[in-house]
Structures are given as C-alpha cells and as structure tokens.
Amino acid sequence: MIRFTIEQRHLVDVEGKPIANEAGSVSFHNCEADSADEAVRLFVKSDGAEVIGNIQKFPGFQAIATVRKTGGVYTLQVTPTSQTRLPIR
C-alpha cells in the first residue's frame, strides 16, 4: 500500500459559476491504495462523487481526475505522501 495526498480543488458550483479562486476552494485529504488511480476511486466512493471522463495517470504514482459532486465540479490531484507516519482518517 502507498499513502497518497489528494488535493481537491473546487472549480465551479452547481450553477456553473467559477469559484476556483475563492477562499476555501482547496482541501487536502489522505488515502492508502495500491495505485494513484485506485486512490482516486476510493476517495470518490467515500466522498459521494463521480468521475467525469478518465483518470489521467502520470509517472511516479500521480494522477489527476475531474469529479462531480452535489456541490459542483472539482479536480483531484493525487501524489504520493512523503510522510509515512501520517494518520489516515
């Protein structure tokens, strides 16, 4: 298992209004998974969201995905976490 940090950036609200630059539009989460795309799937499932399009995978266990939730559209950027003793919640 690899520990990942997931950066969730709120892009637009339910009406399509851009809010990416507003305070509080970015949050960070932690997840353990075997791969970056599995980390996206686990986070999306636990967050009540759905992936829009494909999960884009990059070298070094990194991934980017666009997701839709009841609050709007978000991007997820998944990267390996450097702190191995960080508690998972």
PDB file of N, CA and C in Angstrom:
ATOM      1  N   MET A   1       0.834  -1.185   0.000  1.00  0.00           N
ATOM      2  CA  MET A   1       0.000   0.000   0.000  1.00  0.00           C
ATOM      3  C   MET A   1       0.881   1.252   0.000  1.00  0.00           C
ATOM      4  N   ILE A   2       0.420   2.234  -0.724  1.00  0.00           N
ATOM      5  CA  ILE A   2       1.090   3.527  -0.816  1.00  0.00           C
ATOM      6  C   ILE A   2       0.166   4.570  -0.209  1.00  0.00           C
ATOM      7  N   ARG A   3       0.728   5.492   0.515  1.00  0.00           N
ATOM      8  CA  ARG A   3      -0.055   6.586   1.094  1.00  0.00           C
ATOM      9  C   ARG A   3      -0.041   7.760   0.120  1.00  0.00           C
ATOM     10  N   PHE A   4      -1.217   8.304  -0.177  1.00  0.00           N
ATOM     11  CA  PHE A   4      -1.358   9.404  -1.129  1.00  0.00           C
ATOM     12  C   PHE A   4      -1.965  10.629  -0.462  1.00  0.00           C
ATOM     13  N   THR A   5      -1.574  11.795  -0.962  1.00  0.00           N
ATOM     14  CA  THR A   5      -2.233  13.051  -0.624  1.00  0.00           C
ATOM     15  C   THR A   5      -3.108  13.426  -1.809  1.00  0.00           C
ATOM     16  N   ILE A   6      -4.350  13.779  -1.538  1.00  0.00           N
ATOM     17  CA  ILE A   6      -5.289  14.169  -2.587  1.00  0.00           C
ATOM     18  C   ILE A   6      -5.639  15.637  -2.389  1.00  0.00           C
ATOM     19  N   GLU A   7      -5.295  16.445  -3.388  1.00  0.00           N
ATOM     20  CA  GLU A   7      -5.671  17.860  -3.384  1.00  0.00           C
ATOM     21  C   GLU A   7      -6.985  17.978  -4.142  1.00  0.00           C
ATOM     22  N   GLN A   8      -8.008  18.468  -3.472  1.00  0.00           N
ATOM     23  CA  GLN A   8      -9.326  18.648  -4.094  1.00  0.00           C
ATOM     24  C   GLN A   8      -9.554  20.140  -4.307  1.00  0.00           C
ATOM     25  N   ARG A   9      -9.695  20.539  -5.558  1.00  0.00           N
ATOM     26  CA  ARG A   9      -9.872  21.959  -5.902  1.00  0.00           C
ATOM     27  C   ARG A   9     -11.262  22.143  -6.500  1.00  0.00           C
ATOM     28  N   HIS A  10     -12.066  22.986  -5.849  1.00  0.00           N
ATOM     29  CA  HIS A  10     -13.436  23.267  -6.292  1.00  0.00           C
ATOM     30  C   HIS A  10     -13.372  24.224  -7.482  1.00  0.00           C
ATOM     31  N   LEU A  11     -13.857  23.794  -8.639  1.00  0.00           N
ATOM     32  CA  LEU A  11     -13.775  24.608  -9.855  1.00  0.00           C
ATOM     33  C   LEU A  11     -15.007  25.474 -10.075  1.00  0.00           C
ATOM     34  N   VAL A  12     -16.184  24.841 -10.120  1.00  0.00           N
ATOM     35  CA  VAL A  12     -17.437  25.569 -10.353  1.00  0.00           C
ATOM     36  C   VAL A  12     -18.517  25.031  -9.423  1.00  0.00           C
ATOM     37  N   ASP A  13     -19.491  25.903  -9.098  1.00  0.00           N
ATOM     38  CA  ASP A  13     -20.598  25.462  -8.260  1.00  0.00           C
ATOM     39  C   ASP A  13     -21.657  24.776  -9.119  1.00  0.00           C
ATOM     40  N   VAL A  14     -22.792  24.451  -8.524  1.00  0.00           N
ATOM     41  CA  VAL A  14     -23.840  23.722  -9.239  1.00  0.00           C
ATOM     42  C   VAL A  14     -24.446  24.521 -10.382  1.00  0.00           C
ATOM     43  N   GLU A  15     -24.309  25.836 -10.350  1.00  0.00           N
ATOM     44  CA  GLU A  15     -24.831  26.685 -11.426  1.00  0.00           C
ATOM     45  C   GLU A  15     -23.789  26.962 -12.502  1.00  0.00           C
ATOM     46  N   GLY A  16     -22.581  26.408 -12.337  1.00  0.00           N
ATOM     47  CA  GLY A  16     -21.526  26.613 -13.318  1.00  0.00           C
ATOM     48  C   GLY A  16     -20.687  27.852 -13.083  1.00  0.00           C
ATOM     49  N   LYS A  17     -20.895  28.516 -11.946  1.00  0.00           N
ATOM     50  CA  LYS A  17     -20.145  29.732 -11.620  1.00  0.00           C
ATOM     51  C   LYS A  17     -18.743  29.352 -11.132  1.00  0.00           C
ATOM     52  N   PRO A  18     -17.692  29.916 -11.741  1.00  0.00           N
ATOM     53  CA  PRO A  18     -16.322  29.609 -11.304  1.00  0.00           C
ATOM     54  C   PRO A  18     -16.069  30.078  -9.873  1.00  0.00           C
ATOM     55  N   ILE A  19     -15.481  29.208  -9.076  1.00  0.00           N
ATOM     56  CA  ILE A  19     -15.145  29.575  -7.698  1.00  0.00           C
ATOM     57  C   ILE A  19     -13.741  29.101  -7.324  1.00  0.00           C
ATOM     58  N   ALA A  20     -12.940  28.745  -8.300  1.00  0.00           N
ATOM     59  CA  ALA A  20     -11.616  28.171  -8.039  1.00  0.00           C
ATOM     60  C   ALA A  20     -10.701  29.097  -7.257  1.00  0.00           C
ATOM     61  N   ASN A  21     -10.889  30.405  -7.342  1.00  0.00           N
ATOM     62  CA  ASN A  21     -10.002  31.339  -6.650  1.00  0.00           C
ATOM     63  C   ASN A  21     -10.543  31.826  -5.313  1.00  0.00           C
ATOM     64  N   GLU A  22     -11.696  31.335  -4.900  1.00  0.00           N
ATOM     65  CA  GLU A  22     -12.273  31.760  -3.627  1.00  0.00           C
ATOM     66  C   GLU A  22     -11.599  31.039  -2.461  1.00  0.00           C
ATOM     67  N   ALA A  23     -11.592  31.695  -1.308  1.00  0.00           N
ATOM     68  CA  ALA A  23     -11.032  31.081  -0.102  1.00  0.00           C
ATOM     69  C   ALA A  23     -11.787  29.795   0.228  1.00  0.00           C
ATOM     70  N   GLY A  24     -11.070  28.791   0.622  1.00  0.00           N
ATOM     71  CA  GLY A  24     -11.699  27.528   0.980  1.00  0.00           C
ATOM     72  C   GLY A  24     -12.011  26.627  -0.192  1.00  0.00           C
ATOM     73  N   SER A  25     -11.561  26.995  -1.383  1.00  0.00           N
ATOM     74  CA  SER A  25     -11.872  26.172  -2.555  1.00  0.00           C
ATOM     75  C   SER A  25     -10.916  24.994  -2.712  1.00  0.00           C
ATOM     76  N   VAL A  26      -9.888  24.911  -1.865  1.00  0.00           N
ATOM     77  CA  VAL A  26      -8.926  23.812  -1.928  1.00  0.00           C
ATOM     78  C   VAL A  26      -8.904  23.086  -0.591  1.00  0.00           C
ATOM     79  N   SER A  27      -8.927  21.755  -0.643  1.00  0.00           N
ATOM     80  CA  SER A  27      -8.797  20.958   0.572  1.00  0.00           C
ATOM     81  C   SER A  27      -7.865  19.784   0.290  1.00  0.00           C
ATOM     82  N   PHE A  28      -7.282  19.244   1.352  1.00  0.00           N
ATOM     83  CA  PHE A  28      -6.333  18.143   1.223  1.00  0.00           C
ATOM     84  C   PHE A  28      -6.812  16.955   2.043  1.00  0.00           C
ATOM     85  N   HIS A  29      -6.619  15.758   1.480  1.00  0.00           N
ATOM     86  CA  HIS A  29      -7.075  14.521   2.106  1.00  0.00           C
ATOM     87  C   HIS A  29      -5.976  13.474   1.966  1.00  0.00           C
ATOM     88  N   ASN A  30      -6.045  12.416   2.767  1.00  0.00           N
ATOM     89  CA  ASN A  30      -5.082  11.325   2.693  1.00  0.00           C
ATOM     90  C   ASN A  30      -5.803  10.022   2.410  1.00  0.00           C
ATOM     91  N   CYS A  31      -5.093   9.123   1.726  1.00  0.00           N
ATOM     92  CA  CYS A  31      -5.689   7.854   1.335  1.00  0.00           C
ATOM     93  C   CYS A  31      -4.577   6.828   1.155  1.00  0.00           C
ATOM     94  N   GLU A  32      -4.842   5.568   1.466  1.00  0.00           N
ATOM     95  CA  GLU A  32      -3.909   4.482   1.190  1.00  0.00           C
ATOM     96  C   GLU A  32      -4.496   3.612   0.096  1.00  0.00           C
ATOM     97  N   ALA A  33      -3.670   3.311  -0.910  1.00  0.00           N
ATOM     98  CA  ALA A  33      -4.116   2.488  -2.037  1.00  0.00           C
ATOM     99  C   ALA A  33      -2.896   1.870  -2.708  1.00  0.00           C
ATOM    100  N   ASP A  34      -3.144   0.933  -3.622  1.00  0.00           N
ATOM    101  CA  ASP A  34      -2.055   0.285  -4.354  1.00  0.00           C
ATOM    102  C   ASP A  34      -1.569   1.116  -5.529  1.00  0.00           C
ATOM    103  N   SER A  35      -2.391   2.049  -6.014  1.00  0.00           N
ATOM    104  CA  SER A  35      -2.011   2.882  -7.160  1.00  0.00           C
ATOM    105  C   SER A  35      -2.728   4.226  -7.053  1.00  0.00           C
ATOM    106  N   ALA A  36      -2.278   5.183  -7.858  1.00  0.00           N
ATOM    107  CA  ALA A  36      -2.888   6.513  -7.835  1.00  0.00           C
ATOM    108  C   ALA A  36      -4.328   6.479  -8.328  1.00  0.00           C
ATOM    109  N   ASP A  37      -4.606   5.699  -9.387  1.00  0.00           N
ATOM    110  CA  ASP A  37      -5.987   5.653  -9.876  1.00  0.00           C
ATOM    111  C   ASP A  37      -6.907   4.939  -8.890  1.00  0.00           C
ATOM    112  N   GLU A  38      -6.386   3.958  -8.150  1.00  0.00           N
ATOM    113  CA  GLU A  38      -7.202   3.331  -7.114  1.00  0.00           C
ATOM    114  C   GLU A  38      -7.476   4.325  -5.984  1.00  0.00           C
ATOM    115  N   ALA A  39      -6.503   5.179  -5.664  1.00  0.00           N
ATOM    116  CA  ALA A  39      -6.709   6.211  -4.643  1.00  0.00           C
ATOM    117  C   ALA A  39      -7.837   7.151  -5.060  1.00  0.00           C
ATOM    118  N   VAL A  40      -7.877   7.514  -6.345  1.00  0.00           N
ATOM    119  CA  VAL A  40      -8.968   8.358  -6.853  1.00  0.00           C
ATOM    120  C   VAL A  40     -10.295   7.644  -6.664  1.00  0.00           C
ATOM    121  N   ARG A  41     -10.374   6.386  -7.082  1.00  0.00           N
ATOM    122  CA  ARG A  41     -11.638   5.637  -6.979  1.00  0.00           C
ATOM    123  C   ARG A  41     -12.110   5.506  -5.529  1.00  0.00           C
ATOM    124  N   LEU A  42     -11.180   5.203  -4.622  1.00  0.00           N
ATOM    125  CA  LEU A  42     -11.553   5.077  -3.209  1.00  0.00           C
ATOM    126  C   LEU A  42     -12.043   6.402  -2.639  1.00  0.00           C
ATOM    127  N   PHE A  43     -11.350   7.484  -2.964  1.00  0.00           N
ATOM    128  CA  PHE A  43     -11.750   8.800  -2.465  1.00  0.00           C
ATOM    129  C   PHE A  43     -13.110   9.208  -3.029  1.00  0.00           C
ATOM    130  N   VAL A  44     -13.301   9.002  -4.325  1.00  0.00           N
ATOM    131  CA  VAL A  44     -14.565   9.363  -4.973  1.00  0.00           C
ATOM    132  C   VAL A  44     -15.723   8.592  -4.344  1.00  0.00           C
ATOM    133  N   LYS A  45     -15.510   7.307  -4.100  1.00  0.00           N
ATOM    134  CA  LYS A  45     -16.560   6.484  -3.494  1.00  0.00           C
ATOM    135  C   LYS A  45     -16.900   6.982  -2.088  1.00  0.00           C
ATOM    136  N   SER A  46     -15.879   7.288  -1.284  1.00  0.00           N
ATOM    137  CA  SER A  46     -16.128   7.732   0.091  1.00  0.00           C
ATOM    138  C   SER A  46     -16.679   9.153   0.155  1.00  0.00           C
ATOM    139  N   ASP A  47     -16.463   9.941  -0.904  1.00  0.00           N
ATOM    140  CA  ASP A  47     -16.886  11.345  -0.923  1.00  0.00           C
ATOM    141  C   ASP A  47     -18.229  11.554  -1.625  1.00  0.00           C
ATOM    142  N   GLY A  48     -18.833  10.478  -2.126  1.00  0.00           N
ATOM    143  CA  GLY A  48     -20.126  10.598  -2.794  1.00  0.00           C
ATOM    144  C   GLY A  48     -20.062  11.351  -4.105  1.00  0.00           C
ATOM    145  N   ALA A  49     -18.989  11.145  -4.851  1.00  0.00           N
ATOM    146  CA  ALA A  49     -18.784  11.855  -6.119  1.00  0.00           C
ATOM    147  C   ALA A  49     -18.772  10.866  -7.277  1.00  0.00           C
ATOM    148  N   GLU A  50     -18.645  11.396  -8.489  1.00  0.00           N
ATOM    149  CA  GLU A  50     -18.489  10.550  -9.672  1.00  0.00           C
ATOM    150  C   GLU A  50     -17.414  11.155 -10.565  1.00  0.00           C
ATOM    151  N   VAL A  51     -16.604  10.285 -11.166  1.00  0.00           N
ATOM    152  CA  VAL A  51     -15.532  10.736 -12.051  1.00  0.00           C
ATOM    153  C   VAL A  51     -16.137  11.156 -13.381  1.00  0.00           C
ATOM    154  N   ILE A  52     -15.715  12.317 -13.880  1.00  0.00           N
ATOM    155  CA  ILE A  52     -16.122  12.798 -15.203  1.00  0.00           C
ATOM    156  C   ILE A  52     -14.961  12.501 -16.144  1.00  0.00           C
ATOM    157  N   GLY A  53     -15.188  11.699 -17.157  1.00  0.00           N
ATOM    158  CA  GLY A  53     -14.113  11.360 -18.094  1.00  0.00           C
ATOM    159  C   GLY A  53     -13.201  10.294 -17.524  1.00  0.00           C
ATOM    160  N   ASN A  54     -11.919  10.375 -17.872  1.00  0.00           N
ATOM    161  CA  ASN A  54     -10.937   9.375 -17.462  1.00  0.00           C
ATOM    162  C   ASN A  54     -10.031   9.911 -16.365  1.00  0.00           C
ATOM    163  N   ILE A  55      -9.474   8.986 -15.604  1.00  0.00           N
ATOM    164  CA  ILE A  55      -8.431   9.332 -14.646  1.00  0.00           C
ATOM    165  C   ILE A  55      -7.126   9.382 -15.429  1.00  0.00           C
ATOM    166  N   GLN A  56      -6.460  10.518 -15.410  1.00  0.00           N
ATOM    167  CA  GLN A  56      -5.188  10.664 -16.128  1.00  0.00           C
ATOM    168  C   GLN A  56      -4.055  10.267 -15.195  1.00  0.00           C
ATOM    169  N   LYS A  57      -3.295   9.237 -15.606  1.00  0.00           N
ATOM    170  CA  LYS A  57      -2.188   8.735 -14.793  1.00  0.00           C
ATOM    171  C   LYS A  57      -0.867   9.256 -15.337  1.00  0.00           C
ATOM    172  N   PHE A  58       0.052   9.549 -14.420  1.00  0.00           N
ATOM    173  CA  PHE A  58       1.369  10.072 -14.765  1.00  0.00           C
ATOM    174  C   PHE A  58       2.436   9.244 -14.062  1.00  0.00           C
ATOM    175  N   PRO A  59       3.676   9.281 -14.567  1.00  0.00           N
ATOM    176  CA  PRO A  59       4.762   8.542 -13.909  1.00  0.00           C
ATOM    177  C   PRO A  59       4.942   8.995 -12.460  1.00  0.00           C
ATOM    178  N   GLY A  60       5.428   8.081 -11.637  1.00  0.00           N
ATOM    179  CA  GLY A  60       5.678   8.424 -10.239  1.00  0.00           C
ATOM    180  C   GLY A  60       4.451   8.331  -9.361  1.00  0.00           C
ATOM    181  N   PHE A  61       3.497   7.473  -9.712  1.00  0.00           N
ATOM    182  CA  PHE A  61       2.286   7.270  -8.909  1.00  0.00           C
ATOM    183  C   PHE A  61       1.501   8.556  -8.720  1.00  0.00           C
ATOM    184  N   GLN A  62       1.277   9.295  -9.802  1.00  0.00           N
ATOM    185  CA  GLN A  62       0.494  10.520  -9.749  1.00  0.00           C
ATOM    186  C   GLN A  62      -0.698  10.398 -10.691  1.00  0.00           C
ATOM    187  N   ALA A  63      -1.776  11.107 -10.367  1.00  0.00           N
ATOM    188  CA  ALA A  63      -2.978  11.077 -11.199  1.00  0.00           C
ATOM    189  C   ALA A  63      -3.762  12.368 -11.011  1.00  0.00           C
ATOM    190  N   ILE A  64      -4.563  12.682 -12.029  1.00  0.00           N
ATOM    191  CA  ILE A  64      -5.477  13.826 -11.990  1.00  0.00           C
ATOM    192  C   ILE A  64      -6.831  13.345 -12.492  1.00  0.00           C
ATOM    193  N   ALA A  65      -7.890  13.802 -11.840  1.00  0.00           N
ATOM    194  CA  ALA A  65      -9.240  13.444 -12.264  1.00  0.00           C
ATOM    195  C   ALA A  65     -10.168  14.632 -12.033  1.00  0.00           C
ATOM    196  N   THR A  66     -11.221  14.690 -12.817  1.00  0.00           N
ATOM    197  CA  THR A  66     -12.281  15.677 -12.626  1.00  0.00           C
ATOM    198  C   THR A  66     -13.485  14.928 -12.086  1.00  0.00           C
ATOM    199  N   VAL A  67     -14.088  15.452 -11.025  1.00  0.00           N
ATOM    200  CA  VAL A  67     -15.228  14.781 -10.409  1.00  0.00           C
ATOM    201  C   VAL A  67     -16.388  15.748 -10.221  1.00  0.00           C
ATOM    202  N   ARG A  68     -17.578  15.170 -10.166  1.00  0.00           N
ATOM    203  CA  ARG A  68     -18.801  15.941  -9.919  1.00  0.00           C
ATOM    204  C   ARG A  68     -19.403  15.464  -8.606  1.00  0.00           C
ATOM    205  N   LYS A  69     -19.776  16.436  -7.771  1.00  0.00           N
ATOM    206  CA  LYS A  69     -20.478  16.159  -6.519  1.00  0.00           C
ATOM    207  C   LYS A  69     -21.697  17.065  -6.468  1.00  0.00           C
ATOM    208  N   THR A  70     -22.476  16.948  -5.399  1.00  0.00           N
ATOM    209  CA  THR A  70     -23.667  17.790  -5.275  1.00  0.00           C
ATOM    210  C   THR A  70     -23.309  19.265  -5.184  1.00  0.00           C
ATOM    211  N   GLY A  71     -22.087  19.592  -4.726  1.00  0.00           N
ATOM    212  CA  GLY A  71     -21.675  20.985  -4.590  1.00  0.00           C
ATOM    213  C   GLY A  71     -21.049  21.588  -5.827  1.00  0.00           C
ATOM    214  N   GLY A  72     -20.835  20.791  -6.875  1.00  0.00           N
ATOM    215  CA  GLY A  72     -20.240  21.314  -8.099  1.00  0.00           C
ATOM    216  C   GLY A  72     -19.221  20.372  -8.699  1.00  0.00           C
ATOM    217  N   VAL A  73     -18.258  20.954  -9.425  1.00  0.00           N
ATOM    218  CA  VAL A  73     -17.228  20.186 -10.120  1.00  0.00           C
ATOM    219  C   VAL A  73     -15.873  20.496  -9.483  1.00  0.00           C
ATOM    220  N   TYR A  74     -15.076  19.463  -9.319  1.00  0.00           N
ATOM    221  CA  TYR A  74     -13.787  19.564  -8.649  1.00  0.00           C
ATOM    222  C   TYR A  74     -12.714  18.858  -9.477  1.00  0.00           C
ATOM    223  N   THR A  75     -11.452  19.240  -9.272  1.00  0.00           N
ATOM    224  CA  THR A  75     -10.343  18.431  -9.777  1.00  0.00           C
ATOM    225  C   THR A  75      -9.659  17.794  -8.578  1.00  0.00           C
ATOM    226  N   LEU A  76      -9.153  16.598  -8.805  1.00  0.00           N
ATOM    227  CA  LEU A  76      -8.377  15.894  -7.796  1.00  0.00           C
ATOM    228  C   LEU A  76      -6.975  15.699  -8.343  1.00  0.00           C
ATOM    229  N   GLN A  77      -5.977  16.067  -7.570  1.00  0.00           N
ATOM    230  CA  GLN A  77      -4.591  15.787  -7.927  1.00  0.00           C
ATOM    231  C   GLN A  77      -4.047  14.854  -6.863  1.00  0.00           C
ATOM    232  N   VAL A  78      -3.590  13.686  -7.291  1.00  0.00           N
ATOM    233  CA  VAL A  78      -3.140  12.645  -6.379  1.00  0.00           C
ATOM    234  C   VAL A  78      -1.627  12.492  -6.496  1.00  0.00           C
ATOM    235  N   THR A  79      -0.931  12.573  -5.364  1.00  0.00           N
ATOM    236  CA  THR A  79       0.522  12.406  -5.334  1.00  0.00           C
ATOM    237  C   THR A  79       0.900  11.555  -4.125  1.00  0.00           C
ATOM    238  N   PRO A  80       2.004  10.815  -4.216  1.00  0.00           N
ATOM    239  CA  PRO A  80       2.450  10.041  -3.054  1.00  0.00           C
ATOM    240  C   PRO A  80       2.784  10.975  -1.892  1.00  0.00           C
ATOM    241  N   THR A  81       2.446  10.553  -0.685  1.00  0.00           N
ATOM    242  CA  THR A  81       2.733  11.330   0.511  1.00  0.00           C
ATOM    243  C   THR A  81       4.133  11.012   0.994  1.00  0.00           C
ATOM    244  N   SER A  82       4.877  12.030   1.361  1.00  0.00           N
ATOM    245  CA  SER A  82       6.242  11.810   1.826  1.00  0.00           C
ATOM    246  C   SER A  82       6.292  11.402   3.292  1.00  0.00           C
ATOM    247  N   GLN A  83       5.240  11.663   4.045  1.00  0.00           N
ATOM    248  CA  GLN A  83       5.225  11.324   5.469  1.00  0.00           C
ATOM    249  C   GLN A  83       4.547   9.981   5.675  1.00  0.00           C
ATOM    250  N   THR A  84       5.324   8.967   6.036  1.00  0.00           N
ATOM    251  CA  THR A  84       4.774   7.621   6.183  1.00  0.00           C
ATOM    252  C   THR A  84       4.033   7.420   7.494  1.00  0.00           C
ATOM    253  N   ARG A  85       4.226   8.276   8.462  1.00  0.00           N
ATOM    254  CA  ARG A  85       3.569   8.107   9.755  1.00  0.00           C
ATOM    255  C   ARG A  85       2.349   9.008   9.932  1.00  0.00           C
ATOM    256  N   LEU A  86       1.884   9.586   8.854  1.00  0.00           N
ATOM    257  CA  LEU A  86       0.711  10.443   8.895  1.00  0.00           C
ATOM    258  C   LEU A  86      -0.531   9.578   9.110  1.00  0.00           C
ATOM    259  N   PRO A  87      -1.352   9.848  10.131  1.00  0.00           N
ATOM    260  CA  PRO A  87      -2.531   9.012  10.365  1.00  0.00           C
ATOM    261  C   PRO A  87      -3.580   9.188   9.267  1.00  0.00           C
ATOM    262  N   ILE A  88      -4.206   8.088   8.891  1.00  0.00           N
ATOM    263  CA  ILE A  88      -5.286   8.106   7.896  1.00  0.00           C
ATOM    264  C   ILE A  88      -6.601   8.221   8.644  1.00  0.00           C
ATOM    265  N   ARG A  89      -7.451   9.145   8.198  1.00  0.00           N
ATOM    266  CA  ARG A  89      -8.777   9.326   8.820  1.00  0.00           C
ATOM    267  C   ARG A  89      -9.847   8.928   7.869  1.00  0.00           C
TER     268      ARG A  89
END
